[in-house]
Amino acid sequence: MKTVNGQSQRSQLSLLMCTALVIGNMIGSGIFLLPASLAHYGGISIIAWLYTAAGAAILAIVFSRLSRLISGSGGPYVYTHAGFGKFPGFLVAWGYWISTWCGNAAISTAMIAYLGIFFPILRTNPILACFIALAVVWLLSWINIRGIRQAGFVQVITTVMKIIPLLAIGFLGIFHIRLEHFTPFNLSGTSSFSAITGAAAITLWAFLGLESASIPANNVKSPKTTIPRATLIGTFTVSIIYILGTVAVMGVIPFEELANSSAPFADAARIFWGDWAAYAVAAGAVISCFGALNGWIMMQGQLPLAAAADGLFPQSFSRLSKKGTPIFGIIFSSLLMTLLLIMNFTKGLVEKFTFIIMLATLATLVPYLFCSIAELAVRLKHNELPTGRRMMSLLFISIFSLAYTLWAIAGLGTKILMWGLILLASGIPVFLWTQKNKTR
């Protein structure tokens, strides 16, 4: 059987699996709550969705171009390393790795919250809730250790199951929209620009993960064609789902009710089809969290594996299972996630946990910042700058993706930025230690 990078092609990720990875990692728990978060902005938040989708599309093009130019696993890390060298590459890998297991803890918590609709005891018994969350984390960790193909299969199934209720509400809801629900168009009490900016800062969170197909590149069939296609198809599909779903929900639920809804898609489904549909959407939310958690557990092993292969992470992270999966990275990251979950299910720490997730968001945006101009840096380094229209295209994409990412980072606020710098600086001793060990 033909092998690539030491693996049989049957054990690698196909275009379908990579696309499911992109879609599944972007669609987590957030979209099921976002219409309520956007309600106080009013219909103008639809423009924010369009604006954010355009920014995400530009970033998707950035990662598609980089995946053709630069080979190897690691996605944002390997692109930053190629363009800017060891230390920036390490900082991106360090921040992104932390963001994965922090974000996974949040997804696990959200999944238990949705499960509480079916099993109310989970809302009143934090010990049981924590136990169930940990059981799911370690089940999916085991699946990812068993093989990347198995994890990819789980991702395809859960992605299909999670988008069905969202698509149903999005497409069917269009025929039930009441236009008076969108007037006045701007409910925020601020200027249109301020309202769009504020709403776009919220919607951006729903697009994090568009780079997912590029991270396990060495485990992908024909990566130079599969990764760009999966990235663009996944980002476009998610954009359609988000915008249609939000328009439908806002069009059938008055904004004053929507703002107080804890499950807006479930409430919309109840209006369309009755109580059973609300439970079906809640089940979709559980599956959505399960699928996103599966995909991000894959990321928490693959990215540090790439950094360890270059000597920028401790060599323990390069340890592979018999199936060729990064067993140490998955297990160690899941142990850290376990500690976060135990903290989260302790009373009084919810606000701190939310703060950690905002830091995780920043840690994801920093790689986007470097990757925005990584292609330009790589081509400058090798004196391979294109000319004419190709150069104009490269400059356009680099400048606009850089500007968009800077805007998104600035929108997080000075407090998050300060703590984000501390988070990145905490990795410097690890970098110095790994470099010292390399010289021995």
Foldseek 3Di string as FASTA:
>chain_A
DDDFPRHDLVQFDELLLLLLLQQLQLQALQLQQLLLVLLLFFQLLLVLLVVLLVLLLLLLVLQLVQLLVDDDAQRLLRLLCLQPNDLLSLLLLLLLLLLLLLVLLVLLLSLLVLVCVVVVVVVVDLVVSLVVSLVLLVVLLVQVQVGVSSLSVLSSVLSVLLLVLLVCLLVVLVVVFDCVLCPPVGNNPDDSVVSSLVSNLSCNSSNQRLRLSRRQQSRHDPRSPSNSVSSNVSSVVNSSSSSSSSRSLSRNDRSVVSNPDPGSSLVSLCVVPRNVRSNSNSVSNSSSSSSSSSSSLQNQLRNVLRCLVVLQFPVLSVDGDPNRTRSSSSVVSSVVSSVLNVQCSDPPCVVVSVLSNLLSVLSSLSSLLSSLCSVVSSCVVVVNQDDDPVNVVSVVSSVSSNVVSVSSNVVSDDVSVVVNVVSSVVCVVRRVVSVVVVVD
